[in-house]
C-alpha atoms as a PDB file:
ATOM      1  CA  MET A   1     144.806  -2.830  35.054  1.00  0.00           C
ATOM      2  CA  ALA A   2     144.885  -6.086  36.986  1.00  0.00           C
ATOM      3  CA  ALA A   3     142.163  -8.570  36.077  1.00  0.00           C
ATOM      4  CA  HIS A   4     140.788  -8.840  39.626  1.00  0.00           C
ATOM      5  CA  SER A   5     140.310  -5.051  39.836  1.00  0.00           C
ATOM      6  CA  HIS A   6     138.472  -5.076  36.530  1.00  0.00           C
ATOM      7  CA  ILE A   7     136.130  -7.876  37.703  1.00  0.00           C
ATOM      8  CA  ALA A   8     135.537  -6.123  41.019  1.00  0.00           C
ATOM      9  CA  ALA A   9     134.536  -2.945  39.233  1.00  0.00           C
ATOM     10  CA  ARG A  10     132.068  -4.882  37.062  1.00  0.00           C
ATOM     11  CA  LEU A  11     130.498  -6.613  40.098  1.00  0.00           C
ATOM     12  CA  MET A  12     130.155  -3.276  41.823  1.00  0.00           C
ATOM     13  CA  VAL A  13     128.328  -1.888  38.774  1.00  0.00           C
ATOM     14  CA  LEU A  14     125.883  -4.801  38.615  1.00  0.00           C
ATOM     15  CA  ALA A  15     125.091  -4.502  42.313  1.00  0.00           C
ATOM     16  CA  ALA A  16     124.208  -0.824  41.985  1.00  0.00           C
ATOM     17  CA  VAL A  17     122.211  -0.555  38.750  1.00  0.00           C
ATOM     18  CA  VAL A  18     118.883  -0.048  40.519  1.00  0.00           C
ATOM     19  CA  LEU A  19     120.384   2.584  42.792  1.00  0.00           C
ATOM     20  CA  ALA A  20     121.847   4.429  39.809  1.00  0.00           C
ATOM     21  CA  ALA A  21     118.550   4.577  37.936  1.00  0.00           C
ATOM     22  CA  GLY A  22     116.781   6.152  40.888  1.00  0.00           C
ATOM     23  CA  ALA A  23     119.625   8.479  41.826  1.00  0.00           C
ATOM     24  CA  ALA A  24     119.880   9.923  38.320  1.00  0.00           C
ATOM     25  CA  CYS A  25     116.744  11.954  38.993  1.00  0.00           C
ATOM     26  CA  ALA A  26     117.899  13.190  42.412  1.00  0.00           C
ATOM     27  CA  ASP A  27     117.994  16.861  41.442  1.00  0.00           C
ATOM     28  CA  PRO A  28     116.045  17.420  38.208  1.00  0.00           C
ATOM     29  CA  ALA A  29     116.579  21.176  38.358  1.00  0.00           C
ATOM     30  CA  THR A  30     120.321  20.896  37.814  1.00  0.00           C
ATOM     31  CA  ALA A  31     120.875  17.365  36.526  1.00  0.00           C
ATOM     32  CA  PRO A  32     121.807  17.012  32.844  1.00  0.00           C
ATOM     33  CA  ARG A  33     119.584  14.872  30.640  1.00  0.00           C
ATOM     34  CA  GLU A  34     122.061  13.480  28.133  1.00  0.00           C
ATOM     35  CA  ALA A  35     125.699  12.652  27.489  1.00  0.00           C
ATOM     36  CA  PHE A  36     127.227  13.153  24.031  1.00  0.00           C
ATOM     37  CA  VAL A  37     130.067  10.658  23.657  1.00  0.00           C
ATOM     38  CA  THR A  38     132.490  10.827  20.732  1.00  0.00           C
ATOM     39  CA  ASN A  39     133.566   7.366  19.587  1.00  0.00           C
ATOM     40  CA  GLN A  40     136.845   7.665  17.733  1.00  0.00           C
ATOM     41  CA  SER A  41     137.194   4.099  16.453  1.00  0.00           C
ATOM     42  CA  SER A  42     133.645   3.856  15.062  1.00  0.00           C
ATOM     43  CA  SER A  43     133.545   7.543  13.965  1.00  0.00           C
ATOM     44  CA  THR A  44     130.189   8.046  15.666  1.00  0.00           C
ATOM     45  CA  LEU A  45     128.539  10.123  18.365  1.00  0.00           C
ATOM     46  CA  SER A  46     126.529   8.205  20.982  1.00  0.00           C
ATOM     47  CA  ILE A  47     123.774  10.119  22.772  1.00  0.00           C
ATOM     48  CA  VAL A  48     123.131   8.544  26.176  1.00  0.00           C
ATOM     49  CA  ASP A  49     119.844   9.180  27.987  1.00  0.00           C
ATOM     50  CA  LEU A  50     120.977   9.660  31.578  1.00  0.00           C
ATOM     51  CA  ALA A  51     117.601   8.624  33.047  1.00  0.00           C
ATOM     52  CA  THR A  52     117.615   5.178  31.446  1.00  0.00           C
ATOM     53  CA  PHE A  53     121.417   5.163  31.032  1.00  0.00           C
ATOM     54  CA  LYS A  54     121.114   3.748  27.530  1.00  0.00           C
ATOM     55  CA  VAL A  55     122.005   5.081  24.087  1.00  0.00           C
ATOM     56  CA  SER A  56     119.010   6.857  22.584  1.00  0.00           C
ATOM     57  CA  ALA A  57     120.659   7.836  19.282  1.00  0.00           C
ATOM     58  CA  GLU A  58     123.820   7.208  17.283  1.00  0.00           C
ATOM     59  CA  ILE A  59     125.075   9.736  14.712  1.00  0.00           C
ATOM     60  CA  ASP A  60     127.648   8.978  12.026  1.00  0.00           C
ATOM     61  CA  ILE A  61     130.218  11.794  12.310  1.00  0.00           C
ATOM     62  CA  GLY A  62     133.149  10.457  10.283  1.00  0.00           C
ATOM     63  CA  GLY A  63     136.758  11.573  10.620  1.00  0.00           C
ATOM     64  CA  LYS A  64     137.506   9.826  13.937  1.00  0.00           C
ATOM     65  CA  PRO A  65     135.747  12.294  16.288  1.00  0.00           C
ATOM     66  CA  ALA A  66     137.461  13.216  19.548  1.00  0.00           C
ATOM     67  CA  GLY A  67     136.645  16.625  21.031  1.00  0.00           C
ATOM     68  CA  ILE A  68     133.167  17.648  22.185  1.00  0.00           C
ATOM     69  CA  ALA A  69     131.542  20.806  23.547  1.00  0.00           C
ATOM     70  CA  ILE A  70     127.939  21.841  24.107  1.00  0.00           C
ATOM     71  CA  SER A  71     126.538  25.318  23.345  1.00  0.00           C
ATOM     72  CA  GLY A  72     125.426  27.474  26.257  1.00  0.00           C
ATOM     73  CA  ASP A  73     121.753  26.915  25.417  1.00  0.00           C
ATOM     74  CA  GLY A  74     122.267  23.175  24.909  1.00  0.00           C
ATOM     75  CA  ASN A  75     120.869  23.273  21.369  1.00  0.00           C
ATOM     76  CA  GLN A  76     124.108  22.332  19.611  1.00  0.00           C
ATOM     77  CA  ALA A  77     126.990  19.946  20.125  1.00  0.00           C
ATOM     78  CA  PHE A  78     130.343  20.777  18.558  1.00  0.00           C
ATOM     79  CA  VAL A  79     132.484  17.791  17.582  1.00  0.00           C
ATOM     80  CA  THR A  80     136.033  17.813  16.246  1.00  0.00           C
ATOM     81  CA  ALA A  81     136.891  15.248  13.577  1.00  0.00           C
ATOM     82  CA  PRO A  82     140.724  15.221  13.360  1.00  0.00           C
ATOM     83  CA  GLU A  83     141.021  12.885  10.377  1.00  0.00           C
ATOM     84  CA  GLY A  84     138.287  14.723   8.474  1.00  0.00           C
ATOM     85  CA  ASN A  85     139.746  18.135   9.391  1.00  0.00           C
ATOM     86  CA  GLU A  86     136.266  19.288  10.400  1.00  0.00           C
ATOM     87  CA  LEU A  87     134.242  20.861  13.143  1.00  0.00           C
ATOM     88  CA  VAL A  88     130.880  19.107  12.999  1.00  0.00           C
ATOM     89  CA  VAL A  89     127.852  20.965  14.378  1.00  0.00           C
ATOM     90  CA  VAL A  90     125.089  18.676  15.669  1.00  0.00           C
ATOM     91  CA  ASP A  91     121.491  19.733  16.321  1.00  0.00           C
ATOM     92  CA  THR A  92     120.918  18.142  19.731  1.00  0.00           C
ATOM     93  CA  ALA A  93     117.112  18.104  19.500  1.00  0.00           C
ATOM     94  CA  ARG A  94     116.852  16.694  15.964  1.00  0.00           C
ATOM     95  CA  ARG A  95     119.792  14.331  16.457  1.00  0.00           C
ATOM     96  CA  GLN A  96     121.316  15.234  13.115  1.00  0.00           C
ATOM     97  CA  ILE A  97     124.280  17.069  11.660  1.00  0.00           C
ATOM     98  CA  ALA A  98     123.483  20.729  11.025  1.00  0.00           C
ATOM     99  CA  LYS A  99     126.791  21.846   9.515  1.00  0.00           C
ATOM    100  CA  ARG A 100     130.296  20.695   8.647  1.00  0.00           C
ATOM    101  CA  ILE A 101     132.995  23.363   8.923  1.00  0.00           C
ATOM    102  CA  LYS A 102     136.373  22.772   7.320  1.00  0.00           C
ATOM    103  CA  MET A 103     139.298  23.313   9.665  1.00  0.00           C
ATOM    104  CA  LEU A 104     143.066  23.141   9.349  1.00  0.00           C
ATOM    105  CA  GLY A 105     145.233  20.071   9.805  1.00  0.00           C
ATOM    106  CA  GLY A 106     144.471  18.798  13.289  1.00  0.00           C
ATOM    107  CA  PRO A 107     141.350  19.956  15.157  1.00  0.00           C
ATOM    108  CA  LEU A 108     141.251  18.366  18.610  1.00  0.00           C
ATOM    109  CA  GLY A 109     140.100  20.224  21.712  1.00  0.00           C
ATOM    110  CA  VAL A 110     136.987  22.391  21.493  1.00  0.00           C
ATOM    111  CA  ALA A 111     135.163  24.805  23.808  1.00  0.00           C
ATOM    112  CA  ALA A 112     132.043  26.942  23.441  1.00  0.00           C
ATOM    113  CA  HIS A 113     131.791  30.497  24.761  1.00  0.00           C
ATOM    114  CA  PRO A 114     128.975  30.561  27.338  1.00  0.00           C
ATOM    115  CA  THR A 115     127.213  33.666  25.954  1.00  0.00           C
ATOM    116  CA  ARG A 116     128.704  34.898  22.681  1.00  0.00           C
ATOM    117  CA  GLY A 117     128.094  31.812  20.580  1.00  0.00           C
ATOM    118  CA  TRP A 118     131.693  31.451  19.428  1.00  0.00           C
ATOM    119  CA  VAL A 119     133.435  28.096  19.294  1.00  0.00           C
ATOM    120  CA  TYR A 120     137.146  27.710  19.962  1.00  0.00           C
ATOM    121  CA  VAL A 121     138.987  24.865  18.231  1.00  0.00           C
ATOM    122  CA  ALA A 122     142.540  23.809  19.060  1.00  0.00           C
ATOM    123  CA  ASP A 123     144.673  22.890  16.053  1.00  0.00           C
ATOM    124  CA  TRP A 124     147.287  20.344  17.072  1.00  0.00           C
ATOM    125  CA  TYR A 125     149.577  20.836  14.054  1.00  0.00           C
ATOM    126  CA  ALA A 126     149.226  24.579  13.405  1.00  0.00           C
ATOM    127  CA  HIS A 127     149.763  25.436  17.103  1.00  0.00           C
ATOM    128  CA  GLN A 128     146.851  27.801  17.167  1.00  0.00           C
ATOM    129  CA  ILE A 129     143.230  28.244  18.203  1.00  0.00           C
ATOM    130  CA  SER A 130     140.559  29.028  15.621  1.00  0.00           C
ATOM    131  CA  VAL A 131     137.600  31.196  16.627  1.00  0.00           C
ATOM    132  CA  VAL A 132     134.610  29.836  14.703  1.00  0.00           C
ATOM    133  CA  ASP A 133     131.159  31.284  14.077  1.00  0.00           C
ATOM    134  CA  PRO A 134     129.025  28.109  14.016  1.00  0.00           C
ATOM    135  CA  VAL A 135     126.144  29.919  12.294  1.00  0.00           C
ATOM    136  CA  THR A 136     128.067  31.148   9.245  1.00  0.00           C
ATOM    137  CA  GLY A 137     130.833  28.548   9.406  1.00  0.00           C
ATOM    138  CA  GLU A 138     133.456  31.302   9.151  1.00  0.00           C
ATOM    139  CA  ILE A 139     136.730  31.345  11.057  1.00  0.00           C
ATOM    140  CA  ASN A 140     136.840  34.820  12.589  1.00  0.00           C
ATOM    141  CA  ALA A 141     140.342  34.647  14.036  1.00  0.00           C
ATOM    142  CA  LYS A 142     143.382  32.422  14.399  1.00  0.00           C
ATOM    143  CA  ILE A 143     145.301  32.768  17.658  1.00  0.00           C
ATOM    144  CA  SER A 144     148.876  31.554  18.029  1.00  0.00           C
ATOM    145  CA  VAL A 145     149.485  29.605  21.251  1.00  0.00           C
ATOM    146  CA  GLY A 146     152.015  26.991  22.369  1.00  0.00           C
ATOM    147  CA  GLU A 147     152.877  23.744  20.614  1.00  0.00           C
ATOM    148  CA  SER A 148     150.184  21.107  20.102  1.00  0.00           C
ATOM    149  CA  PRO A 149     147.235  22.735  21.916  1.00  0.00           C
ATOM    150  CA  SER A 150     144.933  20.038  23.275  1.00  0.00           C
ATOM    151  CA  GLY A 151     142.247  20.757  25.863  1.00  0.00           C
ATOM    152  CA  LEU A 152     140.477  24.125  25.909  1.00  0.00           C
ATOM    153  CA  ALA A 153     138.344  25.790  28.579  1.00  0.00           C
ATOM    154  CA  VAL A 154     136.569  29.150  28.857  1.00  0.00           C
ATOM    155  CA  THR A 155     136.506  30.992  32.181  1.00  0.00           C
ATOM    156  CA  PRO A 156     132.983  31.292  33.678  1.00  0.00           C
ATOM    157  CA  ASP A 157     132.975  35.071  33.145  1.00  0.00           C
ATOM    158  CA  GLY A 158     133.759  34.538  29.455  1.00  0.00           C
ATOM    159  CA  ARG A 159     136.872  36.731  29.504  1.00  0.00           C
ATOM    160  CA  PHE A 160     139.570  34.169  28.789  1.00  0.00           C
ATOM    161  CA  VAL A 161     140.178  30.915  26.955  1.00  0.00           C
ATOM    162  CA  LEU A 162     142.776  28.602  28.464  1.00  0.00           C
ATOM    163  CA  SER A 163     144.685  26.160  26.271  1.00  0.00           C
ATOM    164  CA  ALA A 164     146.671  23.144  27.465  1.00  0.00           C
ATOM    165  CA  ASP A 165     149.683  23.312  25.134  1.00  0.00           C
ATOM    166  CA  ARG A 166     150.882  19.738  25.314  1.00  0.00           C
ATOM    167  CA  ASP A 167     154.312  19.943  23.697  1.00  0.00           C
ATOM    168  CA  SER A 168     155.165  23.269  25.348  1.00  0.00           C
ATOM    169  CA  ASN A 169     154.356  21.991  28.854  1.00  0.00           C
ATOM    170  CA  ALA A 170     152.354  25.139  29.403  1.00  0.00           C
ATOM    171  CA  VAL A 171     148.916  26.737  29.570  1.00  0.00           C
ATOM    172  CA  SER A 172     148.110  29.721  27.359  1.00  0.00           C
ATOM    173  CA  PHE A 173     145.742  32.486  28.493  1.00  0.00           C
ATOM    174  CA  VAL A 174     143.860  34.043  25.558  1.00  0.00           C
ATOM    175  CA  ASP A 175     141.949  37.324  25.917  1.00  0.00           C
ATOM    176  CA  VAL A 176     138.520  36.882  24.320  1.00  0.00           C
ATOM    177  CA  GLU A 177     138.162  40.578  23.433  1.00  0.00           C
ATOM    178  CA  THR A 178     141.461  40.909  21.587  1.00  0.00           C
ATOM    179  CA  ASN A 179     141.934  37.283  20.478  1.00  0.00           C
ATOM    180  CA  LYS A 180     145.532  37.485  21.673  1.00  0.00           C
ATOM    181  CA  ARG A 181     147.571  35.284  23.979  1.00  0.00           C
ATOM    182  CA  VAL A 182     148.323  37.387  27.056  1.00  0.00           C
ATOM    183  CA  ALA A 183     150.183  34.850  29.200  1.00  0.00           C
ATOM    184  CA  SER A 184     151.797  31.423  29.195  1.00  0.00           C
ATOM    185  CA  VAL A 185     152.259  29.456  32.421  1.00  0.00           C
ATOM    186  CA  GLY A 186     154.491  26.408  32.727  1.00  0.00           C
ATOM    187  CA  VAL A 187     152.835  23.277  34.140  1.00  0.00           C
ATOM    188  CA  GLY A 188     153.664  19.561  34.272  1.00  0.00           C
ATOM    189  CA  ASP A 189     154.980  17.383  31.465  1.00  0.00           C
ATOM    190  CA  ARG A 190     152.573  17.072  28.498  1.00  0.00           C
ATOM    191  CA  PRO A 191     149.332  18.695  29.746  1.00  0.00           C
ATOM    192  CA  PHE A 192     146.288  17.385  27.880  1.00  0.00           C
ATOM    193  CA  GLY A 193     142.904  18.038  29.504  1.00  0.00           C
ATOM    194  CA  ILE A 194     142.178  21.328  31.287  1.00  0.00           C
ATOM    195  CA  THR A 195     139.254  22.173  33.568  1.00  0.00           C
ATOM    196  CA  ILE A 196     138.267  25.435  35.294  1.00  0.00           C
ATOM    197  CA  ASP A 197     136.260  25.532  38.526  1.00  0.00           C
ATOM    198  CA  ALA A 198     132.806  27.146  38.671  1.00  0.00           C
ATOM    199  CA  GLU A 199     134.148  30.157  40.586  1.00  0.00           C
ATOM    200  CA  GLY A 200     136.767  30.888  37.941  1.00  0.00           C
ATOM    201  CA  LYS A 201     139.541  30.801  40.528  1.00  0.00           C
ATOM    202  CA  ARG A 202     141.474  27.658  39.632  1.00  0.00           C
ATOM    203  CA  ALA A 203     142.313  25.515  36.634  1.00  0.00           C
ATOM    204  CA  TYR A 204     143.480  21.906  36.675  1.00  0.00           C
ATOM    205  CA  THR A 205     145.607  20.258  33.982  1.00  0.00           C
ATOM    206  CA  ALA A 206     146.086  16.512  33.529  1.00  0.00           C
ATOM    207  CA  ASN A 207     149.758  16.030  32.692  1.00  0.00           C
ATOM    208  CA  VAL A 208     150.140  12.851  30.674  1.00  0.00           C
ATOM    209  CA  ARG A 209     153.873  12.250  30.929  1.00  0.00           C
ATOM    210  CA  SER A 210     154.618  13.438  34.480  1.00  0.00           C
ATOM    211  CA  ASN A 211     151.607  11.543  35.892  1.00  0.00           C
ATOM    212  CA  ASP A 212     150.305  14.477  37.883  1.00  0.00           C
ATOM    213  CA  VAL A 213     147.824  17.341  37.960  1.00  0.00           C
ATOM    214  CA  SER A 214     148.894  20.989  37.986  1.00  0.00           C
ATOM    215  CA  VAL A 215     146.646  23.351  39.962  1.00  0.00           C
ATOM    216  CA  LEU A 216     146.721  26.930  38.674  1.00  0.00           C
ATOM    217  CA  ASP A 217     145.599  30.073  40.475  1.00  0.00           C
ATOM    218  CA  LEU A 218     143.972  32.097  37.696  1.00  0.00           C
ATOM    219  CA  GLU A 219     144.358  35.503  39.329  1.00  0.00           C
ATOM    220  CA  SER A 220     148.106  35.227  39.881  1.00  0.00           C
ATOM    221  CA  ARG A 221     148.561  32.984  36.824  1.00  0.00           C
ATOM    222  CA  SER A 222     150.792  30.626  38.725  1.00  0.00           C
ATOM    223  CA  VAL A 223     150.932  26.945  39.702  1.00  0.00           C
ATOM    224  CA  ILE A 224     150.033  26.547  43.369  1.00  0.00           C
ATOM    225  CA  ALA A 225     150.278  22.750  43.596  1.00  0.00           C
ATOM    226  CA  THR A 226     151.328  19.639  41.718  1.00  0.00           C
ATOM    227  CA  VAL A 227     149.428  16.499  42.712  1.00  0.00           C
ATOM    228  CA  PRO A 228     150.706  13.009  41.734  1.00  0.00           C
ATOM    229  CA  VAL A 229     147.960  10.733  40.322  1.00  0.00           C
ATOM    230  CA  GLY A 230     147.704   7.473  38.346  1.00  0.00           C
ATOM    231  CA  ARG A 231     149.521   6.670  35.122  1.00  0.00           C
ATOM    232  CA  ARG A 232     148.779   8.816  32.054  1.00  0.00           C
ATOM    233  CA  PRO A 233     146.132  11.205  33.405  1.00  0.00           C
ATOM    234  CA  TYR A 234     143.867  12.383  30.593  1.00  0.00           C
ATOM    235  CA  ALA A 235     141.329  14.880  31.931  1.00  0.00           C
ATOM    236  CA  VAL A 236     139.788  16.312  35.118  1.00  0.00           C
ATOM    237  CA  ALA A 237     136.204  16.787  36.335  1.00  0.00           C
ATOM    238  CA  LEU A 238     135.175  18.781  39.410  1.00  0.00           C
ATOM    239  CA  ALA A 239     132.355  17.767  41.742  1.00  0.00           C
ATOM    240  CA  ASN A 240     131.455  17.822  45.423  1.00  0.00           C
ATOM    241  CA  GLY A 241     134.700  19.430  46.568  1.00  0.00           C
ATOM    242  CA  HIS A 242     136.883  16.993  44.662  1.00  0.00           C
ATOM    243  CA  ALA A 243     138.761  16.730  41.382  1.00  0.00           C
ATOM    244  CA  PHE A 244     138.229  13.416  39.558  1.00  0.00           C
ATOM    245  CA  VAL A 245     141.115  12.496  37.251  1.00  0.00           C
ATOM    246  CA  SER A 246     140.899   9.791  34.575  1.00  0.00           C
ATOM    247  CA  ASP A 247     144.105   7.728  34.710  1.00  0.00           C
ATOM    248  CA  GLN A 248     144.362   6.075  31.280  1.00  0.00           C
ATOM    249  CA  TYR A 249     147.026   3.469  31.891  1.00  0.00           C
ATOM    250  CA  ALA A 250     145.980   2.683  35.451  1.00  0.00           C
ATOM    251  CA  GLY A 251     142.316   2.019  34.656  1.00  0.00           C
ATOM    252  CA  THR A 252     141.345   4.230  37.576  1.00  0.00           C
ATOM    253  CA  VAL A 253     139.958   7.607  38.546  1.00  0.00           C
ATOM    254  CA  SER A 254     142.059   9.456  41.129  1.00  0.00           C
ATOM    255  CA  VAL A 255     140.059  11.624  43.554  1.00  0.00           C
ATOM    256  CA  ILE A 256     141.756  14.803  44.788  1.00  0.00           C
ATOM    257  CA  ASN A 257     140.380  16.804  47.707  1.00  0.00           C
ATOM    258  CA  THR A 258     140.402  20.380  46.366  1.00  0.00           C
ATOM    259  CA  ALA A 259     140.994  21.832  49.850  1.00  0.00           C
ATOM    260  CA  SER A 260     143.990  19.709  50.853  1.00  0.00           C
ATOM    261  CA  LEU A 261     145.095  19.084  47.243  1.00  0.00           C
ATOM    262  CA  LYS A 262     145.869  15.466  48.061  1.00  0.00           C
ATOM    263  CA  VAL A 263     144.565  12.220  46.564  1.00  0.00           C
ATOM    264  CA  VAL A 264     142.026  10.737  48.969  1.00  0.00           C
ATOM    265  CA  GLU A 265     140.723   7.811  46.909  1.00  0.00           C
ATOM    266  CA  THR A 266     141.399   5.764  43.786  1.00  0.00           C
ATOM    267  CA  ILE A 267     138.356   4.326  42.005  1.00  0.00           C
ATOM    268  CA  PRO A 268     138.716   1.263  39.732  1.00  0.00           C
ATOM    269  CA  VAL A 269     136.874   1.831  36.438  1.00  0.00           C
ATOM    270  CA  GLY A 270     137.051   0.363  32.932  1.00  0.00           C
ATOM    271  CA  GLU A 271     140.135   0.086  30.745  1.00  0.00           C
ATOM    272  CA  TYR A 272     141.665   3.295  29.374  1.00  0.00           C
ATOM    273  CA  PRO A 273     139.392   5.906  30.969  1.00  0.00           C
ATOM    274  CA  GLU A 274     139.606   9.131  28.994  1.00  0.00           C
ATOM    275  CA  GLY A 275     136.948  11.864  28.797  1.00  0.00           C
ATOM    276  CA  ILE A 276     135.418  12.752  32.150  1.00  0.00           C
ATOM    277  CA  ALA A 277     132.750  15.280  33.155  1.00  0.00           C
ATOM    278  CA  ALA A 278     130.644  16.149  36.195  1.00  0.00           C
ATOM    279  CA  ASP A 279     127.010  17.186  36.232  1.00  0.00           C
ATOM    280  CA  PRO A 280     126.250  20.702  37.576  1.00  0.00           C
ATOM    281  CA  SER A 281     124.583  19.355  40.711  1.00  0.00           C
ATOM    282  CA  GLY A 282     127.834  17.692  41.734  1.00  0.00           C
ATOM    283  CA  SER A 283     126.084  14.379  42.300  1.00  0.00           C
ATOM    284  CA  PHE A 284     127.653  12.323  39.524  1.00  0.00           C
ATOM    285  CA  VAL A 285     130.774  12.073  37.432  1.00  0.00           C
ATOM    286  CA  TYR A 286     130.783  10.337  34.036  1.00  0.00           C
ATOM    287  CA  VAL A 287     133.863   8.758  32.464  1.00  0.00           C
ATOM    288  CA  ALA A 288     134.312   7.218  29.008  1.00  0.00           C
ATOM    289  CA  CYS A 289     136.388   4.023  28.984  1.00  0.00           C
ATOM    290  CA  TRP A 290     138.029   3.689  25.591  1.00  0.00           C
ATOM    291  CA  ALA A 291     138.905  -0.028  25.586  1.00  0.00           C
ATOM    292  CA  ASP A 292     135.620  -1.218  27.136  1.00  0.00           C
ATOM    293  CA  ASN A 293     133.308   0.907  24.963  1.00  0.00           C
ATOM    294  CA  VAL A 294     131.309   2.126  27.955  1.00  0.00           C
ATOM    295  CA  LEU A 295     130.351   5.321  29.736  1.00  0.00           C
ATOM    296  CA  MET A 296     130.532   4.836  33.507  1.00  0.00           C
ATOM    297  CA  ARG A 297     128.643   6.767  36.181  1.00  0.00           C
ATOM    298  CA  ILE A 298     130.394   7.520  39.481  1.00  0.00           C
ATOM    299  CA  ASP A 299     128.639   8.592  42.665  1.00  0.00           C
ATOM    300  CA  ALA A 300     130.583  11.771  43.526  1.00  0.00           C
ATOM    301  CA  SER A 301     129.905  11.425  47.266  1.00  0.00           C
ATOM    302  CA  ARG A 302     130.535   7.707  47.706  1.00  0.00           C
ATOM    303  CA  HIS A 303     133.388   7.610  45.184  1.00  0.00           C
ATOM    304  CA  SER A 304     132.120   4.429  43.576  1.00  0.00           C
ATOM    305  CA  VAL A 305     130.920   3.297  40.153  1.00  0.00           C
ATOM    306  CA  ILE A 306     127.134   2.860  40.144  1.00  0.00           C
ATOM    307  CA  GLY A 307     126.301   2.202  36.487  1.00  0.00           C
ATOM    308  CA  GLU A 308     127.566   1.828  32.945  1.00  0.00           C
ATOM    309  CA  ALA A 309     126.143   2.351  29.473  1.00  0.00           C
ATOM    310  CA  GLU A 310     127.405   0.696  26.308  1.00  0.00           C
ATOM    311  CA  VAL A 311     128.406   3.228  23.637  1.00  0.00           C
ATOM    312  CA  GLY A 312     130.290   3.104  20.330  1.00  0.00           C
ATOM    313  CA  ASP A 313     133.780   1.807  19.622  1.00  0.00           C
ATOM    314  CA  GLY A 314     136.635   3.724  21.229  1.00  0.00           C
ATOM    315  CA  PRO A 315     134.843   6.432  23.239  1.00  0.00           C
ATOM    316  CA  ARG A 316     136.945   9.507  23.994  1.00  0.00           C
ATOM    317  CA  ALA A 317     134.428  12.240  24.972  1.00  0.00           C
ATOM    318  CA  PHE A 318     137.239  14.811  25.227  1.00  0.00           C
ATOM    319  CA  GLY A 319     135.586  17.935  26.609  1.00  0.00           C
ATOM    320  CA  LEU A 320     132.330  18.969  28.274  1.00  0.00           C
ATOM    321  CA  PHE A 321     129.876  16.392  26.957  1.00  0.00           C
ATOM    322  CA  LEU A 322     126.819  16.717  29.245  1.00  0.00           C
ATOM    323  CA  ARG A 323     123.659  18.725  28.606  1.00  0.00           C
END
């Protein structure tokens, strides 16, 4: 990213800190309280208080943590540690590790079933998804999918798990009842993050090599649009009628109107933005910037950065990290 864009983004943040602190409490009924940010370089998990927008706790995870998911009740965070070959279960209230579960060679993406308590872990090297019981630590099933599964997402009705199979350029549909892959849909080149809308009608994949986002209709299981974005898109968050895409190499977040399926804005952020998530109210989007070691807050209506919090070294926050 050009130096002047980086400085402009920083000045914009400083000018809006007071606004961000007040706006964070705009809708307490739906607003999340905390962000759980995996820091791959420092092998830690930063817990950011979203009211103060400062780190309230730091947990040593080990194993270069990357993926993150939160249980349906918010009581547990599930963290993948690829170099430790572990799924680490964190007690969110006590701020401590509750369990370490040994996985296969390359755990990366992770998703939690909204009601059944199961955790789905993508194994990059084994080309499969493990279905984990976080209470017993047992792996209940192993589901073959495409090559190098990365991001995972569960449909809102809990019926399917979708896997972005990076090296197959496809998305797998897995039936939760049978633990079988029932469909594979071709998307862009090297899909990484995958996000499903709240209605369970569409999914969005960030395609790293083709620099675009594939929009899938879940009923027909087909791609209905391909939207060009910034360089090396990593993940997608949905808020306020828009899809926010973290563009790693561009140092930006591309904003797609979900009605027109066109980019309507490009927001300068920190260097190497990666994990991105929206709060349920649709007011804010949060993006982890890997090279700057910060979590940034974006006003989802104004499409501007309004705050940043310092976190650990090399934040990735790959998954749904708000609770």
